[in-house]
Amino acid sequence: MSELQCVARLKIHPGKLEEFKRVTAKCMESVRTKDTGTLQYEMYINQDQTEGLAFERYRDSQALIEHLENLGELMAEFFQTCSGSGEVCGTPSPELRERLKDAPVQIYTLFQSA
């Protein structure tokens, strides 16, 4: 199984909600028009609009790498509006693991009981 599932947990900076929404919309547009292997990309926001969750699925590691490259310049703008961490579930390629090594991301592999 090469598909990856991801969750990004975001804390919106005080006073940055509208900017966060604007940049998030730009990210979503980029995913729709540029990504070729993104299977799911949904953003949720809590009731008081201080935190967000992004649920993402990618065909494989290369699709997630493509996504990161497509969002490249937007990410600096995005992280001026929020801080975040995330989880990648699956078996990322060595190249993807290398790209994520300094990011606040945990990697989880599938648990299979004996």
N, C-alpha and C. Protein backbone atom coordinates (compact mmCIF):
# COMPACT_ATOMS: atom_id res chain seq x y z
N MET A 1 0.85 -1.19 0.00
CA MET A 1 0.00 0.00 0.00
C MET A 1 0.88 1.24 0.00
N SER A 2 0.77 2.07 -1.00
CA SER A 2 1.62 3.26 -1.08
C SER A 2 0.86 4.53 -0.74
N GLU A 3 -0.47 4.46 -0.59
CA GLU A 3 -1.26 5.65 -0.28
C GLU A 3 -0.87 6.21 1.09
N LEU A 4 -0.84 7.51 1.20
CA LEU A 4 -0.54 8.18 2.46
C LEU A 4 -1.75 8.98 2.91
N GLN A 5 -2.00 8.94 4.20
CA GLN A 5 -3.04 9.76 4.81
C GLN A 5 -2.35 10.72 5.77
N CYS A 6 -2.81 11.95 5.78
CA CYS A 6 -2.16 12.98 6.60
C CYS A 6 -3.20 13.81 7.35
N VAL A 7 -2.79 14.28 8.51
CA VAL A 7 -3.59 15.22 9.28
C VAL A 7 -2.67 16.37 9.67
N ALA A 8 -3.07 17.58 9.37
CA ALA A 8 -2.33 18.77 9.81
C ALA A 8 -3.16 19.46 10.87
N ARG A 9 -2.54 19.77 12.01
CA ARG A 9 -3.21 20.45 13.12
C ARG A 9 -2.67 21.88 13.17
N LEU A 10 -3.58 22.84 13.09
CA LEU A 10 -3.17 24.23 12.93
C LEU A 10 -3.75 25.09 14.04
N LYS A 11 -2.93 26.00 14.56
CA LYS A 11 -3.39 26.99 15.54
C LYS A 11 -3.26 28.35 14.87
N ILE A 12 -4.40 28.99 14.69
CA ILE A 12 -4.44 30.27 13.99
C ILE A 12 -3.97 31.38 14.93
N HIS A 13 -3.05 32.20 14.45
CA HIS A 13 -2.53 33.30 15.25
C HIS A 13 -3.63 34.33 15.51
N PRO A 14 -3.66 34.91 16.72
CA PRO A 14 -4.65 35.94 17.02
C PRO A 14 -4.60 37.07 15.98
N GLY A 15 -5.77 37.47 15.53
CA GLY A 15 -5.88 38.56 14.57
C GLY A 15 -5.58 38.16 13.13
N LYS A 16 -5.32 36.88 12.87
CA LYS A 16 -4.93 36.44 11.53
C LYS A 16 -5.98 35.56 10.85
N LEU A 17 -7.18 35.48 11.41
CA LEU A 17 -8.19 34.59 10.87
C LEU A 17 -8.52 34.87 9.41
N GLU A 18 -8.78 36.12 9.07
CA GLU A 18 -9.17 36.43 7.69
C GLU A 18 -8.03 36.14 6.72
N GLU A 19 -6.81 36.46 7.13
CA GLU A 19 -5.66 36.15 6.28
C GLU A 19 -5.49 34.64 6.15
N PHE A 20 -5.68 33.91 7.25
CA PHE A 20 -5.62 32.44 7.22
C PHE A 20 -6.62 31.89 6.21
N LYS A 21 -7.85 32.39 6.24
CA LYS A 21 -8.87 31.93 5.31
C LYS A 21 -8.50 32.23 3.87
N ARG A 22 -7.95 33.42 3.65
CA ARG A 22 -7.56 33.82 2.29
C ARG A 22 -6.44 32.92 1.75
N VAL A 23 -5.43 32.69 2.56
CA VAL A 23 -4.30 31.87 2.11
C VAL A 23 -4.73 30.41 1.97
N THR A 24 -5.59 29.94 2.87
CA THR A 24 -6.09 28.57 2.76
C THR A 24 -6.84 28.38 1.45
N ALA A 25 -7.64 29.35 1.06
CA ALA A 25 -8.36 29.27 -0.21
C ALA A 25 -7.38 29.19 -1.39
N LYS A 26 -6.28 29.93 -1.31
CA LYS A 26 -5.25 29.87 -2.36
C LYS A 26 -4.61 28.48 -2.40
N CYS A 27 -4.37 27.90 -1.24
CA CYS A 27 -3.80 26.55 -1.17
C CYS A 27 -4.76 25.54 -1.80
N MET A 28 -6.03 25.64 -1.47
CA MET A 28 -7.02 24.72 -2.00
C MET A 28 -7.13 24.85 -3.52
N GLU A 29 -7.04 26.05 -4.01
CA GLU A 29 -7.07 26.27 -5.46
C GLU A 29 -5.84 25.64 -6.12
N SER A 30 -4.69 25.78 -5.50
CA SER A 30 -3.48 25.16 -6.02
C SER A 30 -3.62 23.65 -6.09
N VAL A 31 -4.18 23.06 -5.05
CA VAL A 31 -4.39 21.61 -5.03
C VAL A 31 -5.29 21.19 -6.19
N ARG A 32 -6.38 21.92 -6.39
CA ARG A 32 -7.34 21.58 -7.46
C ARG A 32 -6.73 21.71 -8.85
N THR A 33 -5.87 22.69 -9.04
CA THR A 33 -5.39 22.99 -10.39
C THR A 33 -4.01 22.43 -10.72
N LYS A 34 -3.20 22.11 -9.70
CA LYS A 34 -1.82 21.68 -9.97
C LYS A 34 -1.51 20.25 -9.55
N ASP A 35 -2.05 19.82 -8.41
CA ASP A 35 -1.72 18.48 -7.90
C ASP A 35 -2.33 17.40 -8.80
N THR A 36 -1.56 16.35 -9.05
CA THR A 36 -2.06 15.24 -9.87
C THR A 36 -2.33 13.99 -9.04
N GLY A 37 -1.78 13.92 -7.82
CA GLY A 37 -1.95 12.71 -7.02
C GLY A 37 -2.59 12.94 -5.67
N THR A 38 -3.19 14.11 -5.47
CA THR A 38 -3.89 14.39 -4.22
C THR A 38 -5.30 13.82 -4.33
N LEU A 39 -5.64 12.93 -3.40
CA LEU A 39 -6.94 12.26 -3.42
C LEU A 39 -7.97 12.96 -2.53
N GLN A 40 -7.49 13.64 -1.50
CA GLN A 40 -8.37 14.35 -0.56
C GLN A 40 -7.59 15.52 0.02
N TYR A 41 -8.24 16.66 0.15
CA TYR A 41 -7.63 17.83 0.76
C TYR A 41 -8.77 18.68 1.31
N GLU A 42 -9.06 18.51 2.59
CA GLU A 42 -10.19 19.19 3.21
C GLU A 42 -9.72 19.91 4.46
N MET A 43 -10.21 21.12 4.64
CA MET A 43 -9.87 21.91 5.82
C MET A 43 -11.11 22.07 6.69
N TYR A 44 -10.93 21.86 7.98
CA TYR A 44 -11.99 22.05 8.96
C TYR A 44 -11.51 23.08 9.97
N ILE A 45 -12.45 23.84 10.52
CA ILE A 45 -12.09 24.87 11.50
C ILE A 45 -13.01 24.70 12.71
N ASN A 46 -12.47 24.91 13.91
CA ASN A 46 -13.28 24.71 15.11
C ASN A 46 -14.29 25.85 15.27
N GLN A 47 -15.17 25.69 16.25
CA GLN A 47 -16.30 26.62 16.41
C GLN A 47 -15.85 28.05 16.70
N ASP A 48 -14.80 28.21 17.51
CA ASP A 48 -14.36 29.59 17.81
C ASP A 48 -13.32 30.10 16.81
N GLN A 49 -13.07 29.33 15.76
CA GLN A 49 -12.20 29.70 14.65
C GLN A 49 -10.78 30.07 15.09
N THR A 50 -10.25 29.25 16.00
CA THR A 50 -8.87 29.44 16.46
C THR A 50 -7.96 28.29 16.04
N GLU A 51 -8.56 27.20 15.59
CA GLU A 51 -7.78 26.03 15.19
C GLU A 51 -8.38 25.40 13.94
N GLY A 52 -7.52 24.76 13.18
CA GLY A 52 -7.98 24.06 11.98
C GLY A 52 -7.38 22.67 11.91
N LEU A 53 -8.06 21.82 11.17
CA LEU A 53 -7.57 20.49 10.85
C LEU A 53 -7.65 20.30 9.35
N ALA A 54 -6.58 19.83 8.77
CA ALA A 54 -6.60 19.49 7.35
C ALA A 54 -6.48 17.98 7.24
N PHE A 55 -7.40 17.37 6.50
CA PHE A 55 -7.34 15.95 6.21
C PHE A 55 -6.90 15.80 4.76
N GLU A 56 -5.85 15.01 4.57
CA GLU A 56 -5.25 14.89 3.25
C GLU A 56 -4.96 13.42 2.94
N ARG A 57 -5.12 13.04 1.67
CA ARG A 57 -4.73 11.72 1.20
C ARG A 57 -3.99 11.89 -0.12
N TYR A 58 -2.94 11.10 -0.26
CA TYR A 58 -2.11 11.17 -1.46
C TYR A 58 -1.94 9.78 -2.05
N ARG A 59 -1.88 9.71 -3.34
CA ARG A 59 -1.71 8.45 -4.06
C ARG A 59 -0.47 7.70 -3.58
N ASP A 60 0.61 8.47 -3.35
CA ASP A 60 1.87 7.88 -2.93
C ASP A 60 2.81 9.00 -2.48
N SER A 61 4.02 8.63 -2.13
CA SER A 61 4.99 9.62 -1.63
C SER A 61 5.29 10.69 -2.67
N GLN A 62 5.40 10.30 -3.93
CA GLN A 62 5.70 11.28 -4.97
C GLN A 62 4.59 12.31 -5.09
N ALA A 63 3.35 11.90 -4.88
CA ALA A 63 2.22 12.84 -4.93
C ALA A 63 2.31 13.86 -3.80
N LEU A 64 2.74 13.43 -2.62
CA LEU A 64 2.89 14.38 -1.50
C LEU A 64 4.07 15.31 -1.75
N ILE A 65 5.14 14.80 -2.32
CA ILE A 65 6.28 15.65 -2.68
C ILE A 65 5.84 16.71 -3.69
N GLU A 66 5.07 16.28 -4.71
CA GLU A 66 4.55 17.23 -5.70
C GLU A 66 3.70 18.30 -5.03
N HIS A 67 2.85 17.90 -4.10
CA HIS A 67 1.99 18.83 -3.37
C HIS A 67 2.84 19.86 -2.63
N LEU A 68 3.86 19.39 -1.92
CA LEU A 68 4.73 20.31 -1.18
C LEU A 68 5.42 21.29 -2.12
N GLU A 69 5.86 20.80 -3.27
CA GLU A 69 6.51 21.68 -4.24
C GLU A 69 5.52 22.69 -4.82
N ASN A 70 4.30 22.25 -5.11
CA ASN A 70 3.30 23.16 -5.67
C ASN A 70 2.92 24.26 -4.69
N LEU A 71 2.93 23.95 -3.40
CA LEU A 71 2.57 24.95 -2.39
C LEU A 71 3.78 25.74 -1.89
N GLY A 72 4.94 25.42 -2.38
CA GLY A 72 6.19 26.01 -1.92
C GLY A 72 6.13 27.43 -1.42
N GLU A 73 5.89 28.39 -2.30
CA GLU A 73 5.89 29.80 -1.92
C GLU A 73 4.72 30.16 -1.02
N LEU A 74 3.60 29.49 -1.17
CA LEU A 74 2.43 29.77 -0.34
C LEU A 74 2.66 29.36 1.12
N MET A 75 3.52 28.39 1.35
CA MET A 75 3.71 27.90 2.72
C MET A 75 4.28 28.96 3.64
N ALA A 76 5.19 29.77 3.16
CA ALA A 76 5.74 30.85 4.00
C ALA A 76 4.62 31.82 4.38
N GLU A 77 3.79 32.16 3.42
CA GLU A 77 2.66 33.05 3.67
C GLU A 77 1.67 32.39 4.64
N PHE A 78 1.40 31.11 4.42
CA PHE A 78 0.46 30.37 5.26
C PHE A 78 0.91 30.35 6.72
N PHE A 79 2.20 30.05 6.94
CA PHE A 79 2.68 29.92 8.31
C PHE A 79 2.97 31.27 8.98
N GLN A 80 2.65 32.38 8.31
CA GLN A 80 2.60 33.67 8.99
C GLN A 80 1.25 33.86 9.65
N THR A 81 0.27 33.00 9.31
CA THR A 81 -1.07 33.11 9.87
C THR A 81 -1.36 32.05 10.93
N CYS A 82 -0.52 31.02 11.01
CA CYS A 82 -0.79 29.93 11.95
C CYS A 82 0.50 29.16 12.22
N SER A 83 0.44 28.33 13.25
CA SER A 83 1.51 27.36 13.50
C SER A 83 0.89 25.99 13.35
N GLY A 84 1.72 24.99 13.15
CA GLY A 84 1.12 23.69 12.93
C GLY A 84 2.05 22.53 13.15
N SER A 85 1.44 21.37 13.20
CA SER A 85 2.14 20.10 13.25
C SER A 85 1.29 19.11 12.49
N GLY A 86 1.84 17.93 12.24
CA GLY A 86 1.07 16.98 11.47
C GLY A 86 1.50 15.55 11.65
N GLU A 87 0.70 14.68 11.07
CA GLU A 87 0.97 13.26 11.06
C GLU A 87 0.86 12.75 9.63
N VAL A 88 1.78 11.87 9.27
CA VAL A 88 1.73 11.18 8.00
C VAL A 88 1.57 9.70 8.33
N CYS A 89 0.54 9.09 7.79
CA CYS A 89 0.26 7.68 8.05
C CYS A 89 0.47 6.88 6.77
N GLY A 90 1.31 5.87 6.87
CA GLY A 90 1.63 5.03 5.71
C GLY A 90 3.11 4.71 5.71
N THR A 91 3.63 4.47 4.52
CA THR A 91 5.04 4.14 4.38
C THR A 91 5.68 5.11 3.40
N PRO A 92 6.15 6.26 3.90
CA PRO A 92 6.75 7.25 3.00
C PRO A 92 8.08 6.76 2.43
N SER A 93 8.36 7.20 1.23
CA SER A 93 9.63 6.86 0.58
C SER A 93 10.79 7.50 1.34
N PRO A 94 12.01 6.98 1.14
CA PRO A 94 13.18 7.62 1.76
C PRO A 94 13.30 9.10 1.38
N GLU A 95 12.98 9.46 0.14
CA GLU A 95 13.05 10.86 -0.29
C GLU A 95 12.07 11.73 0.50
N LEU A 96 10.85 11.25 0.70
CA LEU A 96 9.86 12.01 1.46
C LEU A 96 10.27 12.10 2.92
N ARG A 97 10.76 11.01 3.49
CA ARG A 97 11.24 11.04 4.89
C ARG A 97 12.32 12.10 5.06
N GLU A 98 13.21 12.19 4.10
CA GLU A 98 14.30 13.18 4.15
C GLU A 98 13.71 14.60 4.11
N ARG A 99 12.73 14.83 3.26
CA ARG A 99 12.11 16.16 3.17
C ARG A 99 11.38 16.55 4.44
N LEU A 100 10.87 15.57 5.17
CA LEU A 100 10.08 15.84 6.37
C LEU A 100 10.90 15.82 7.66
N LYS A 101 12.18 15.48 7.58
CA LYS A 101 12.96 15.23 8.79
C LYS A 101 13.04 16.43 9.74
N ASP A 102 13.00 17.65 9.26
CA ASP A 102 13.09 18.83 10.12
C ASP A 102 11.73 19.48 10.36
N ALA A 103 10.68 18.89 9.83
CA ALA A 103 9.32 19.44 9.98
C ALA A 103 8.68 18.88 11.25
N PRO A 104 7.73 19.60 11.82
CA PRO A 104 7.02 19.10 13.01
C PRO A 104 5.97 18.06 12.60
N VAL A 105 6.47 16.95 12.07
CA VAL A 105 5.61 15.89 11.54
C VAL A 105 6.02 14.56 12.14
N GLN A 106 5.03 13.80 12.59
CA GLN A 106 5.25 12.44 13.06
C GLN A 106 4.85 11.50 11.93
N ILE A 107 5.60 10.43 11.76
CA ILE A 107 5.27 9.42 10.77
C ILE A 107 4.78 8.17 11.50
N TYR A 108 3.64 7.68 11.06
CA TYR A 108 3.04 6.47 11.64
C TYR A 108 2.92 5.41 10.56
N THR A 109 3.36 4.20 10.88
CA THR A 109 3.20 3.08 9.95
C THR A 109 2.05 2.21 10.43
N LEU A 110 1.48 1.47 9.52
CA LEU A 110 0.31 0.65 9.81
C LEU A 110 0.65 -0.41 10.85
N PHE A 111 -0.18 -0.49 11.87
CA PHE A 111 -0.03 -1.51 12.92
C PHE A 111 -0.74 -2.77 12.45
N GLN A 112 -0.04 -3.86 12.49
CA GLN A 112 -0.66 -5.13 12.12
C GLN A 112 -0.41 -6.11 13.26
N SER A 113 -1.49 -6.58 13.84
CA SER A 113 -1.34 -7.53 14.95
C SER A 113 -0.98 -8.90 14.40
N ALA A 114 -0.35 -9.70 15.24
CA ALA A 114 0.10 -11.04 14.82
C ALA A 114 -1.06 -12.00 14.69
